[in-house]
C-alpha atoms as a PDB file:
ATOM      1  CA  UNK A   1     -53.721  54.660   0.032  1.00  0.00           C
ATOM      2  CA  UNK A   2     -53.977  51.053   1.112  1.00  0.00           C
ATOM      3  CA  UNK A   3     -52.084  50.051   4.239  1.00  0.00           C
ATOM      4  CA  UNK A   4     -51.825  46.699   5.980  1.00  0.00           C
ATOM      5  CA  UNK A   5     -49.794  46.984   9.162  1.00  0.00           C
ATOM      6  CA  UNK A   6     -48.832  43.842  11.039  1.00  0.00           C
ATOM      7  CA  UNK A   7     -47.897  43.784  14.691  1.00  0.00           C
ATOM      8  CA  UNK A   8     -47.399  41.301  17.505  1.00  0.00           C
ATOM      9  CA  UNK A   9     -44.346  39.437  16.329  1.00  0.00           C
ATOM     10  CA  UNK A  10     -41.426  38.714  18.601  1.00  0.00           C
ATOM     11  CA  UNK A  11     -39.362  36.071  20.311  1.00  0.00           C
ATOM     12  CA  UNK A  12     -41.105  33.162  21.993  1.00  0.00           C
ATOM     13  CA  UNK A  13     -39.952  29.849  23.397  1.00  0.00           C
ATOM     14  CA  UNK A  14     -41.083  26.572  21.835  1.00  0.00           C
ATOM     15  CA  UNK A  15     -44.534  25.733  23.131  1.00  0.00           C
ATOM     16  CA  UNK A  16     -45.357  29.373  23.682  1.00  0.00           C
ATOM     17  CA  UNK A  17     -48.002  31.590  22.126  1.00  0.00           C
ATOM     18  CA  UNK A  18     -48.147  34.793  20.138  1.00  0.00           C
ATOM     19  CA  UNK A  19     -50.969  36.840  18.703  1.00  0.00           C
ATOM     20  CA  UNK A  20     -50.508  38.748  15.466  1.00  0.00           C
ATOM     21  CA  UNK A  21     -52.678  41.612  14.276  1.00  0.00           C
ATOM     22  CA  UNK A  22     -53.045  43.264  10.889  1.00  0.00           C
ATOM     23  CA  UNK A  23     -54.675  46.669  10.891  1.00  0.00           C
ATOM     24  CA  UNK A  24     -55.991  47.762   7.522  1.00  0.00           C
ATOM     25  CA  UNK A  25     -56.861  51.117   6.040  1.00  0.00           C
ATOM     26  CA  UNK A  26     -57.773  52.331   2.578  1.00  0.00           C
ATOM     27  CA  UNK A  27     -59.813  49.244   1.709  1.00  0.00           C
ATOM     28  CA  UNK A  28     -63.350  48.091   2.371  1.00  0.00           C
ATOM     29  CA  UNK A  29     -62.056  45.452   4.733  1.00  0.00           C
ATOM     30  CA  UNK A  30     -65.269  43.468   5.071  1.00  0.00           C
ATOM     31  CA  UNK A  31     -65.412  42.421   1.424  1.00  0.00           C
ATOM     32  CA  UNK A  32     -61.804  41.247   1.233  1.00  0.00           C
ATOM     33  CA  UNK A  33     -60.602  37.721   1.708  1.00  0.00           C
ATOM     34  CA  UNK A  34     -57.741  37.956   4.174  1.00  0.00           C
ATOM     35  CA  UNK A  35     -54.821  35.680   4.799  1.00  0.00           C
ATOM     36  CA  UNK A  36     -51.586  35.186   6.670  1.00  0.00           C
ATOM     37  CA  UNK A  37     -48.513  34.035   4.804  1.00  0.00           C
ATOM     38  CA  UNK A  38     -45.042  33.380   6.133  1.00  0.00           C
ATOM     39  CA  UNK A  39     -41.574  33.203   4.705  1.00  0.00           C
ATOM     40  CA  UNK A  40     -38.597  31.634   6.414  1.00  0.00           C
ATOM     41  CA  UNK A  41     -35.025  32.345   5.290  1.00  0.00           C
ATOM     42  CA  UNK A  42     -34.218  30.489   2.098  1.00  0.00           C
ATOM     43  CA  UNK A  43     -37.784  29.297   1.640  1.00  0.00           C
ATOM     44  CA  UNK A  44     -40.716  30.358  -0.482  1.00  0.00           C
ATOM     45  CA  UNK A  45     -43.541  32.351   0.974  1.00  0.00           C
ATOM     46  CA  UNK A  46     -46.325  29.994   2.023  1.00  0.00           C
ATOM     47  CA  UNK A  47     -49.966  30.377   2.916  1.00  0.00           C
ATOM     48  CA  UNK A  48     -50.591  29.815   6.618  1.00  0.00           C
ATOM     49  CA  UNK A  49     -54.284  30.540   6.997  1.00  0.00           C
ATOM     50  CA  UNK A  50     -57.061  32.229   5.095  1.00  0.00           C
ATOM     51  CA  UNK A  51     -60.419  33.686   6.059  1.00  0.00           C
ATOM     52  CA  UNK A  52     -63.101  34.641   3.582  1.00  0.00           C
ATOM     53  CA  UNK A  53     -65.363  37.668   3.720  1.00  0.00           C
ATOM     54  CA  UNK A  54     -67.979  35.367   5.230  1.00  0.00           C
ATOM     55  CA  UNK A  55     -65.429  34.148   7.815  1.00  0.00           C
ATOM     56  CA  UNK A  56     -64.923  30.649   6.536  1.00  0.00           C
ATOM     57  CA  UNK A  57     -61.395  29.554   7.301  1.00  0.00           C
ATOM     58  CA  UNK A  58     -58.713  27.244   6.030  1.00  0.00           C
ATOM     59  CA  UNK A  59     -55.271  26.337   7.311  1.00  0.00           C
ATOM     60  CA  UNK A  60     -52.122  24.719   6.088  1.00  0.00           C
ATOM     61  CA  UNK A  61     -51.875  21.253   7.622  1.00  0.00           C
ATOM     62  CA  UNK A  62     -48.810  22.085   9.693  1.00  0.00           C
ATOM     63  CA  UNK A  63     -50.686  24.665  11.800  1.00  0.00           C
ATOM     64  CA  UNK A  64     -54.102  23.028  12.113  1.00  0.00           C
ATOM     65  CA  UNK A  65     -55.166  22.809  15.731  1.00  0.00           C
ATOM     66  CA  UNK A  66     -52.514  25.316  16.826  1.00  0.00           C
ATOM     67  CA  UNK A  67     -53.290  28.529  14.921  1.00  0.00           C
ATOM     68  CA  UNK A  68     -56.559  30.424  14.691  1.00  0.00           C
ATOM     69  CA  UNK A  69     -57.303  33.107  12.132  1.00  0.00           C
ATOM     70  CA  UNK A  70     -60.073  35.615  12.794  1.00  0.00           C
ATOM     71  CA  UNK A  71     -61.259  38.997  11.677  1.00  0.00           C
ATOM     72  CA  UNK A  72     -63.056  41.953  13.185  1.00  0.00           C
ATOM     73  CA  UNK A  73     -64.742  43.886  10.402  1.00  0.00           C
ATOM     74  CA  UNK A  74     -65.757  46.666  12.772  1.00  0.00           C
ATOM     75  CA  UNK A  75     -62.083  47.260  13.570  1.00  0.00           C
ATOM     76  CA  UNK A  76     -60.791  46.515  10.057  1.00  0.00           C
ATOM     77  CA  UNK A  77     -58.357  44.101  11.652  1.00  0.00           C
ATOM     78  CA  UNK A  78     -57.166  40.581  10.965  1.00  0.00           C
ATOM     79  CA  UNK A  79     -55.757  38.332  13.687  1.00  0.00           C
ATOM     80  CA  UNK A  80     -53.702  35.194  13.987  1.00  0.00           C
ATOM     81  CA  UNK A  81     -53.497  33.449  17.336  1.00  0.00           C
ATOM     82  CA  UNK A  82     -50.562  31.064  17.385  1.00  0.00           C
ATOM     83  CA  UNK A  83     -50.302  28.474  20.141  1.00  0.00           C
ATOM     84  CA  UNK A  84     -47.816  25.690  20.821  1.00  0.00           C
ATOM     85  CA  UNK A  85     -45.273  27.351  18.582  1.00  0.00           C
ATOM     86  CA  UNK A  86     -42.508  25.255  17.107  1.00  0.00           C
ATOM     87  CA  UNK A  87     -39.075  26.275  15.825  1.00  0.00           C
ATOM     88  CA  UNK A  88     -40.283  25.573  12.289  1.00  0.00           C
ATOM     89  CA  UNK A  89     -42.933  28.292  12.702  1.00  0.00           C
ATOM     90  CA  UNK A  90     -40.217  30.938  12.793  1.00  0.00           C
ATOM     91  CA  UNK A  91     -40.580  33.263   9.818  1.00  0.00           C
ATOM     92  CA  UNK A  92     -41.669  36.682   8.715  1.00  0.00           C
ATOM     93  CA  UNK A  93     -45.460  36.703   8.757  1.00  0.00           C
ATOM     94  CA  UNK A  94     -47.307  38.745   6.173  1.00  0.00           C
ATOM     95  CA  UNK A  95     -50.879  39.946   6.030  1.00  0.00           C
ATOM     96  CA  UNK A  96     -52.605  39.624   2.652  1.00  0.00           C
ATOM     97  CA  UNK A  97     -55.857  41.065   1.330  1.00  0.00           C
ATOM     98  CA  UNK A  98     -57.534  39.957  -1.890  1.00  0.00           C
ATOM     99  CA  UNK A  99     -60.677  41.118  -3.634  1.00  0.00           C
ATOM    100  CA  UNK A 100     -61.168  40.231  -7.285  1.00  0.00           C
ATOM    101  CA  UNK A 101     -57.979  41.483  -8.942  1.00  0.00           C
ATOM    102  CA  UNK A 102     -56.878  43.649  -6.049  1.00  0.00           C
ATOM    103  CA  UNK A 103     -54.073  42.183  -3.941  1.00  0.00           C
ATOM    104  CA  UNK A 104     -52.383  43.961  -1.056  1.00  0.00           C
ATOM    105  CA  UNK A 105     -49.560  42.974   1.288  1.00  0.00           C
ATOM    106  CA  UNK A 106     -48.296  44.188   4.603  1.00  0.00           C
ATOM    107  CA  UNK A 107     -44.641  44.737   5.381  1.00  0.00           C
ATOM    108  CA  UNK A 108     -44.370  41.688   7.614  1.00  0.00           C
ATOM    109  CA  UNK A 109     -43.627  40.974  11.247  1.00  0.00           C
ATOM    110  CA  UNK A 110     -40.877  38.682  12.492  1.00  0.00           C
ATOM    111  CA  UNK A 111     -41.693  35.643  14.592  1.00  0.00           C
ATOM    112  CA  UNK A 112     -38.764  33.890  16.223  1.00  0.00           C
ATOM    113  CA  UNK A 113     -39.208  30.608  18.084  1.00  0.00           C
ATOM    114  CA  UNK A 114     -36.191  29.695  20.112  1.00  0.00           C
ATOM    115  CA  UNK A 115     -35.179  28.636  23.576  1.00  0.00           C
END
């Protein structure tokens, strides 16, 4: 059974930082391309950052220079370090794993940015 379990969300003030984690099980984590998506109320789910199996990365323009995606294949875990958070970063953040036609999602973790 495949499981992607996000953690690390919470409430943070504008300008603050949070680190998200996504622990995986039931997949061969190292061969999967991994990504973080987010969905704010009333908006479509959007890609935030992606990391390939070879650890090449890409980011949506709005988070470049502030967010860092990384992976630890030995721990089967995906990370997202978020710095200088803005109110518009508030959303539910989802972990995503893709390999060929196999796509898996986590249940999401809430990030709230408010003073």
